[in-house]
Amino acid sequence: MEPSSHNKKPFRSNKSYLMEYAGLASQLMAALGLGVFIGYKLDGWLSISFPVFIWVLPLVFLMAMFVKIFKDTSRKK
């Protein structure tokens, strides 16, 4: 008995996986950089003695990116 053809996954080259994960890494770095920049500007604008936003915003952006990466990589292809 032959295995059914609808159970086979389509072939993806290593290059397509590399480009997908390189894109995710680029998005992660851009989000962290944006979080630090916005946090720096907010701390300067609010004149807070301790740099709260420069610590908090990148962590929030990092959590959001991990959720996005989890959703992107756990999706069945």
PDB file of N, CA and C in Angstrom:
ATOM      1  N   MET A   1       0.835  -1.170   0.000  1.00  0.00           N
ATOM      2  CA  MET A   1       0.000   0.000   0.000  1.00  0.00           C
ATOM      3  C   MET A   1       0.887   1.244   0.000  1.00  0.00           C
ATOM      4  N   GLU A   2       0.602   2.183  -0.883  1.00  0.00           N
ATOM      5  CA  GLU A   2       1.406   3.396  -1.007  1.00  0.00           C
ATOM      6  C   GLU A   2       0.974   4.437   0.019  1.00  0.00           C
ATOM      7  N   PRO A   3       1.952   5.173   0.534  1.00  0.00           N
ATOM      8  CA  PRO A   3       1.568   6.272   1.423  1.00  0.00           C
ATOM      9  C   PRO A   3       0.845   7.344   0.614  1.00  0.00           C
ATOM     10  N   SER A   4      -0.120   7.960   1.229  1.00  0.00           N
ATOM     11  CA  SER A   4      -0.892   8.970   0.499  1.00  0.00           C
ATOM     12  C   SER A   4      -0.035  10.194   0.218  1.00  0.00           C
ATOM     13  N   SER A   5      -0.277  10.824  -0.906  1.00  0.00           N
ATOM     14  CA  SER A   5       0.549  11.946  -1.337  1.00  0.00           C
ATOM     15  C   SER A   5       0.253  13.216  -0.554  1.00  0.00           C
ATOM     16  N   HIS A   6      -0.889  13.295   0.115  1.00  0.00           N
ATOM     17  CA  HIS A   6      -1.197  14.525   0.846  1.00  0.00           C
ATOM     18  C   HIS A   6      -0.471  14.597   2.185  1.00  0.00           C
ATOM     19  N   ASN A   7       0.174  13.518   2.630  1.00  0.00           N
ATOM     20  CA  ASN A   7       0.933  13.536   3.875  1.00  0.00           C
ATOM     21  C   ASN A   7       2.358  14.041   3.675  1.00  0.00           C
ATOM     22  N   LYS A   8       2.805  14.148   2.430  1.00  0.00           N
ATOM     23  CA  LYS A   8       4.163  14.592   2.172  1.00  0.00           C
ATOM     24  C   LYS A   8       4.265  16.098   2.335  1.00  0.00           C
ATOM     25  N   LYS A   9       5.360  16.526   2.953  1.00  0.00           N
ATOM     26  CA  LYS A   9       5.617  17.955   3.087  1.00  0.00           C
ATOM     27  C   LYS A   9       6.346  18.430   1.843  1.00  0.00           C
ATOM     28  N   PRO A  10       6.036  19.627   1.380  1.00  0.00           N
ATOM     29  CA  PRO A  10       6.763  20.139   0.221  1.00  0.00           C
ATOM     30  C   PRO A  10       8.219  20.394   0.587  1.00  0.00           C
ATOM     31  N   PHE A  11       9.093  20.173  -0.362  1.00  0.00           N
ATOM     32  CA  PHE A  11      10.523  20.342  -0.134  1.00  0.00           C
ATOM     33  C   PHE A  11      10.861  21.823  -0.061  1.00  0.00           C
ATOM     34  N   ARG A  12      11.608  22.200   0.967  1.00  0.00           N
ATOM     35  CA  ARG A  12      12.114  23.570   1.081  1.00  0.00           C
ATOM     36  C   ARG A  12      13.623  23.488   1.147  1.00  0.00           C
ATOM     37  N   SER A  13      14.266  24.313   0.381  1.00  0.00           N
ATOM     38  CA  SER A  13      15.723  24.286   0.362  1.00  0.00           C
ATOM     39  C   SER A  13      16.282  24.916   1.635  1.00  0.00           C
ATOM     40  N   ASN A  14      17.538  24.626   1.893  1.00  0.00           N
ATOM     41  CA  ASN A  14      18.207  25.201   3.053  1.00  0.00           C
ATOM     42  C   ASN A  14      18.297  26.712   2.941  1.00  0.00           C
ATOM     43  N   LYS A  15      18.379  27.208   1.712  1.00  0.00           N
ATOM     44  CA  LYS A  15      18.480  28.646   1.502  1.00  0.00           C
ATOM     45  C   LYS A  15      17.204  29.356   1.959  1.00  0.00           C
ATOM     46  N   SER A  16      16.049  28.754   1.719  1.00  0.00           N
ATOM     47  CA  SER A  16      14.808  29.399   2.145  1.00  0.00           C
ATOM     48  C   SER A  16      14.695  29.426   3.671  1.00  0.00           C
ATOM     49  N   TYR A  17      15.157  28.367   4.335  1.00  0.00           N
ATOM     50  CA  TYR A  17      15.174  28.380   5.798  1.00  0.00           C
ATOM     51  C   TYR A  17      16.148  29.428   6.316  1.00  0.00           C
ATOM     52  N   LEU A  18      17.308  29.532   5.685  1.00  0.00           N
ATOM     53  CA  LEU A  18      18.313  30.509   6.088  1.00  0.00           C
ATOM     54  C   LEU A  18      17.759  31.920   5.960  1.00  0.00           C
ATOM     55  N   MET A  19      17.092  32.210   4.861  1.00  0.00           N
ATOM     56  CA  MET A  19      16.540  33.550   4.654  1.00  0.00           C
ATOM     57  C   MET A  19      15.409  33.849   5.650  1.00  0.00           C
ATOM     58  N   GLU A  20      14.612  32.843   5.968  1.00  0.00           N
ATOM     59  CA  GLU A  20      13.526  33.039   6.931  1.00  0.00           C
ATOM     60  C   GLU A  20      14.080  33.390   8.308  1.00  0.00           C
ATOM     61  N   TYR A  21      15.065  32.648   8.771  1.00  0.00           N
ATOM     62  CA  TYR A  21      15.613  32.898  10.099  1.00  0.00           C
ATOM     63  C   TYR A  21      16.505  34.126  10.132  1.00  0.00           C
ATOM     64  N   ALA A  22      17.157  34.453   9.035  1.00  0.00           N
ATOM     65  CA  ALA A  22      17.927  35.698   8.975  1.00  0.00           C
ATOM     66  C   ALA A  22      16.978  36.890   9.056  1.00  0.00           C
ATOM     67  N   GLY A  23      15.817  36.779   8.432  1.00  0.00           N
ATOM     68  CA  GLY A  23      14.816  37.840   8.524  1.00  0.00           C
ATOM     69  C   GLY A  23      14.289  37.995   9.939  1.00  0.00           C
ATOM     70  N   LEU A  24      14.055  36.882  10.620  1.00  0.00           N
ATOM     71  CA  LEU A  24      13.601  36.948  12.009  1.00  0.00           C
ATOM     72  C   LEU A  24      14.663  37.578  12.911  1.00  0.00           C
ATOM     73  N   ALA A  25      15.923  37.250  12.675  1.00  0.00           N
ATOM     74  CA  ALA A  25      17.010  37.831  13.466  1.00  0.00           C
ATOM     75  C   ALA A  25      17.110  39.337  13.214  1.00  0.00           C
ATOM     76  N   SER A  26      16.945  39.739  11.970  1.00  0.00           N
ATOM     77  CA  SER A  26      16.985  41.168  11.644  1.00  0.00           C
ATOM     78  C   SER A  26      15.844  41.914  12.316  1.00  0.00           C
ATOM     79  N   GLN A  27      14.664  41.324  12.327  1.00  0.00           N
ATOM     80  CA  GLN A  27      13.518  41.952  12.987  1.00  0.00           C
ATOM     81  C   GLN A  27      13.755  42.066  14.490  1.00  0.00           C
ATOM     82  N   LEU A  28      14.360  41.056  15.075  1.00  0.00           N
ATOM     83  CA  LEU A  28      14.649  41.073  16.504  1.00  0.00           C
ATOM     84  C   LEU A  28      15.632  42.197  16.844  1.00  0.00           C
ATOM     85  N   MET A  29      16.688  42.329  16.056  1.00  0.00           N
ATOM     86  CA  MET A  29      17.684  43.373  16.308  1.00  0.00           C
ATOM     87  C   MET A  29      17.083  44.762  16.094  1.00  0.00           C
ATOM     88  N   ALA A  30      16.257  44.919  15.073  1.00  0.00           N
ATOM     89  CA  ALA A  30      15.622  46.211  14.824  1.00  0.00           C
ATOM     90  C   ALA A  30      14.665  46.570  15.959  1.00  0.00           C
ATOM     91  N   ALA A  31      13.920  45.599  16.460  1.00  0.00           N
ATOM     92  CA  ALA A  31      12.988  45.863  17.561  1.00  0.00           C
ATOM     93  C   ALA A  31      13.735  46.254  18.829  1.00  0.00           C
ATOM     94  N   LEU A  32      14.842  45.579  19.118  1.00  0.00           N
ATOM     95  CA  LEU A  32      15.627  45.937  20.306  1.00  0.00           C
ATOM     96  C   LEU A  32      16.232  47.331  20.165  1.00  0.00           C
ATOM     97  N   GLY A  33      16.762  47.627  19.001  1.00  0.00           N
ATOM     98  CA  GLY A  33      17.328  48.955  18.766  1.00  0.00           C
ATOM     99  C   GLY A  33      16.277  50.048  18.888  1.00  0.00           C
ATOM    100  N   LEU A  34      15.091  49.792  18.349  1.00  0.00           N
ATOM    101  CA  LEU A  34      14.001  50.758  18.443  1.00  0.00           C
ATOM    102  C   LEU A  34      13.555  50.939  19.896  1.00  0.00           C
ATOM    103  N   GLY A  35      13.502  49.853  20.638  1.00  0.00           N
ATOM    104  CA  GLY A  35      13.125  49.939  22.050  1.00  0.00           C
ATOM    105  C   GLY A  35      14.115  50.752  22.862  1.00  0.00           C
ATOM    106  N   VAL A  36      15.406  50.552  22.608  1.00  0.00           N
ATOM    107  CA  VAL A  36      16.437  51.312  23.322  1.00  0.00           C
ATOM    108  C   VAL A  36      16.353  52.790  22.940  1.00  0.00           C
ATOM    109  N   PHE A  37      16.193  53.070  21.655  1.00  0.00           N
ATOM    110  CA  PHE A  37      16.130  54.456  21.199  1.00  0.00           C
ATOM    111  C   PHE A  37      14.927  55.186  21.789  1.00  0.00           C
ATOM    112  N   ILE A  38      13.749  54.562  21.717  1.00  0.00           N
ATOM    113  CA  ILE A  38      12.544  55.189  22.263  1.00  0.00           C
ATOM    114  C   ILE A  38      12.663  55.339  23.782  1.00  0.00           C
ATOM    115  N   GLY A  39      13.223  54.328  24.451  1.00  0.00           N
ATOM    116  CA  GLY A  39      13.420  54.417  25.893  1.00  0.00           C
ATOM    117  C   GLY A  39      14.375  55.531  26.267  1.00  0.00           C
ATOM    118  N   TYR A  40      15.436  55.700  25.505  1.00  0.00           N
ATOM    119  CA  TYR A  40      16.406  56.777  25.748  1.00  0.00           C
ATOM    120  C   TYR A  40      15.738  58.137  25.596  1.00  0.00           C
ATOM    121  N   LYS A  41      14.959  58.295  24.533  1.00  0.00           N
ATOM    122  CA  LYS A  41      14.278  59.569  24.295  1.00  0.00           C
ATOM    123  C   LYS A  41      13.228  59.851  25.375  1.00  0.00           C
ATOM    124  N   LEU A  42      12.472  58.828  25.785  1.00  0.00           N
ATOM    125  CA  LEU A  42      11.463  59.012  26.839  1.00  0.00           C
ATOM    126  C   LEU A  42      12.104  59.382  28.174  1.00  0.00           C
ATOM    127  N   ASP A  43      13.207  58.723  28.515  1.00  0.00           N
ATOM    128  CA  ASP A  43      13.892  59.042  29.763  1.00  0.00           C
ATOM    129  C   ASP A  43      14.426  60.469  29.747  1.00  0.00           C
ATOM    130  N   GLY A  44      14.934  60.907  28.603  1.00  0.00           N
ATOM    131  CA  GLY A  44      15.402  62.283  28.495  1.00  0.00           C
ATOM    132  C   GLY A  44      14.271  63.288  28.554  1.00  0.00           C
ATOM    133  N   TRP A  45      13.148  62.966  27.920  1.00  0.00           N
ATOM    134  CA  TRP A  45      12.008  63.882  27.881  1.00  0.00           C
ATOM    135  C   TRP A  45      11.355  64.006  29.255  1.00  0.00           C
ATOM    136  N   LEU A  46      11.261  62.891  29.973  1.00  0.00           N
ATOM    137  CA  LEU A  46      10.621  62.905  31.292  1.00  0.00           C
ATOM    138  C   LEU A  46      11.591  63.284  32.420  1.00  0.00           C
ATOM    139  N   SER A  47      12.876  63.372  32.140  1.00  0.00           N
ATOM    140  CA  SER A  47      13.919  63.732  33.118  1.00  0.00           C
ATOM    141  C   SER A  47      13.854  62.873  34.379  1.00  0.00           C
ATOM    142  N   ILE A  48      13.792  61.551  34.169  1.00  0.00           N
ATOM    143  CA  ILE A  48      13.770  60.616  35.288  1.00  0.00           C
ATOM    144  C   ILE A  48      15.214  60.354  35.715  1.00  0.00           C
ATOM    145  N   SER A  49      15.446  60.303  37.038  1.00  0.00           N
ATOM    146  CA  SER A  49      16.814  60.124  37.534  1.00  0.00           C
ATOM    147  C   SER A  49      17.367  58.737  37.189  1.00  0.00           C
ATOM    148  N   PHE A  50      16.519  57.709  37.254  1.00  0.00           N
ATOM    149  CA  PHE A  50      16.936  56.350  36.891  1.00  0.00           C
ATOM    150  C   PHE A  50      16.350  56.026  35.516  1.00  0.00           C
ATOM    151  N   PRO A  51      17.144  55.507  34.587  1.00  0.00           N
ATOM    152  CA  PRO A  51      16.655  55.247  33.222  1.00  0.00           C
ATOM    153  C   PRO A  51      15.703  54.041  33.158  1.00  0.00           C
ATOM    154  N   VAL A  52      14.459  54.263  33.502  1.00  0.00           N
ATOM    155  CA  VAL A  52      13.468  53.195  33.563  1.00  0.00           C
ATOM    156  C   VAL A  52      13.105  52.694  32.167  1.00  0.00           C
ATOM    157  N   PHE A  53      12.765  53.609  31.279  1.00  0.00           N
ATOM    158  CA  PHE A  53      12.260  53.210  29.963  1.00  0.00           C
ATOM    159  C   PHE A  53      13.332  52.579  29.081  1.00  0.00           C
ATOM    160  N   ILE A  54      14.588  52.949  29.293  1.00  0.00           N
ATOM    161  CA  ILE A  54      15.653  52.343  28.493  1.00  0.00           C
ATOM    162  C   ILE A  54      15.842  50.870  28.868  1.00  0.00           C
ATOM    163  N   TRP A  55      15.351  50.480  30.045  1.00  0.00           N
ATOM    164  CA  TRP A  55      15.381  49.068  30.457  1.00  0.00           C
ATOM    165  C   TRP A  55      14.071  48.345  30.137  1.00  0.00           C
ATOM    166  N   VAL A  56      12.953  49.021  30.339  1.00  0.00           N
ATOM    167  CA  VAL A  56      11.652  48.370  30.223  1.00  0.00           C
ATOM    168  C   VAL A  56      11.236  48.161  28.769  1.00  0.00           C
ATOM    169  N   LEU A  57      11.347  49.190  27.938  1.00  0.00           N
ATOM    170  CA  LEU A  57      10.874  49.079  26.555  1.00  0.00           C
ATOM    171  C   LEU A  57      11.576  47.981  25.754  1.00  0.00           C
ATOM    172  N   PRO A  58      12.903  47.853  25.814  1.00  0.00           N
ATOM    173  CA  PRO A  58      13.508  46.729  25.081  1.00  0.00           C
ATOM    174  C   PRO A  58      13.025  45.364  25.574  1.00  0.00           C
ATOM    175  N   LEU A  59      12.763  45.232  26.874  1.00  0.00           N
ATOM    176  CA  LEU A  59      12.240  43.958  27.390  1.00  0.00           C
ATOM    177  C   LEU A  59      10.833  43.688  26.870  1.00  0.00           C
ATOM    178  N   VAL A  60      10.010  44.721  26.789  1.00  0.00           N
ATOM    179  CA  VAL A  60       8.656  44.565  26.241  1.00  0.00           C
ATOM    180  C   VAL A  60       8.741  44.186  24.767  1.00  0.00           C
ATOM    181  N   PHE A  61       9.603  44.880  24.011  1.00  0.00           N
ATOM    182  CA  PHE A  61       9.772  44.569  22.594  1.00  0.00           C
ATOM    183  C   PHE A  61      10.321  43.155  22.418  1.00  0.00           C
ATOM    184  N   LEU A  62      11.225  42.745  23.288  1.00  0.00           N
ATOM    185  CA  LEU A  62      11.798  41.404  23.213  1.00  0.00           C
ATOM    186  C   LEU A  62      10.735  40.340  23.450  1.00  0.00           C
ATOM    187  N   MET A  63       9.876  40.551  24.450  1.00  0.00           N
ATOM    188  CA  MET A  63       8.792  39.595  24.699  1.00  0.00           C
ATOM    189  C   MET A  63       7.846  39.524  23.506  1.00  0.00           C
ATOM    190  N   ALA A  64       7.521  40.674  22.921  1.00  0.00           N
ATOM    191  CA  ALA A  64       6.634  40.690  21.759  1.00  0.00           C
ATOM    192  C   ALA A  64       7.270  39.963  20.575  1.00  0.00           C
ATOM    193  N   MET A  65       8.558  40.126  20.388  1.00  0.00           N
ATOM    194  CA  MET A  65       9.245  39.448  19.283  1.00  0.00           C
ATOM    195  C   MET A  65       9.313  37.942  19.527  1.00  0.00           C
ATOM    196  N   PHE A  66       9.492  37.519  20.772  1.00  0.00           N
ATOM    197  CA  PHE A  66       9.503  36.083  21.055  1.00  0.00           C
ATOM    198  C   PHE A  66       8.140  35.458  20.786  1.00  0.00           C
ATOM    199  N   VAL A  67       7.079  36.178  21.088  1.00  0.00           N
ATOM    200  CA  VAL A  67       5.732  35.690  20.774  1.00  0.00           C
ATOM    201  C   VAL A  67       5.574  35.561  19.264  1.00  0.00           C
ATOM    202  N   LYS A  68       6.035  36.574  18.528  1.00  0.00           N
ATOM    203  CA  LYS A  68       5.951  36.543  17.064  1.00  0.00           C
ATOM    204  C   LYS A  68       6.778  35.388  16.495  1.00  0.00           C
ATOM    205  N   ILE A  69       7.994  35.205  16.999  1.00  0.00           N
ATOM    206  CA  ILE A  69       8.849  34.124  16.516  1.00  0.00           C
ATOM    207  C   ILE A  69       8.221  32.769  16.838  1.00  0.00           C
ATOM    208  N   PHE A  70       7.655  32.638  18.032  1.00  0.00           N
ATOM    209  CA  PHE A  70       6.998  31.384  18.392  1.00  0.00           C
ATOM    210  C   PHE A  70       5.845  31.077  17.450  1.00  0.00           C
ATOM    211  N   LYS A  71       5.026  32.087  17.158  1.00  0.00           N
ATOM    212  CA  LYS A  71       3.900  31.878  16.240  1.00  0.00           C
ATOM    213  C   LYS A  71       4.380  31.554  14.835  1.00  0.00           C
ATOM    214  N   ASP A  72       5.422  32.248  14.362  1.00  0.00           N
ATOM    215  CA  ASP A  72       5.927  32.024  13.008  1.00  0.00           C
ATOM    216  C   ASP A  72       6.547  30.647  12.839  1.00  0.00           C
ATOM    217  N   THR A  73       7.253  30.169  13.849  1.00  0.00           N
ATOM    218  CA  THR A  73       7.960  28.904  13.717  1.00  0.00           C
ATOM    219  C   THR A  73       7.112  27.691  14.090  1.00  0.00           C
ATOM    220  N   SER A  74       6.040  27.889  14.856  1.00  0.00           N
ATOM    221  CA  SER A  74       5.228  26.738  15.244  1.00  0.00           C
ATOM    222  C   SER A  74       4.088  26.480  14.269  1.00  0.00           C
ATOM    223  N   ARG A  75       3.913  27.342  13.321  1.00  0.00           N
ATOM    224  CA  ARG A  75       2.848  27.168  12.332  1.00  0.00           C
ATOM    225  C   ARG A  75       3.180  25.981  11.437  1.00  0.00           C
ATOM    226  N   LYS A  76       2.204  25.166  11.157  1.00  0.00           N
ATOM    227  CA  LYS A  76       2.408  23.996  10.297  1.00  0.00           C
ATOM    228  C   LYS A  76       2.507  24.456   8.873  1.00  0.00           C
ATOM    229  N   LYS A  77       3.538  23.958   8.178  1.00  0.00           N
ATOM    230  CA  LYS A  77       3.776  24.387   6.795  1.00  0.00           C
ATOM    231  C   LYS A  77       3.513  23.262   5.853  1.00  0.00           C
TER     232      LYS A  77
END
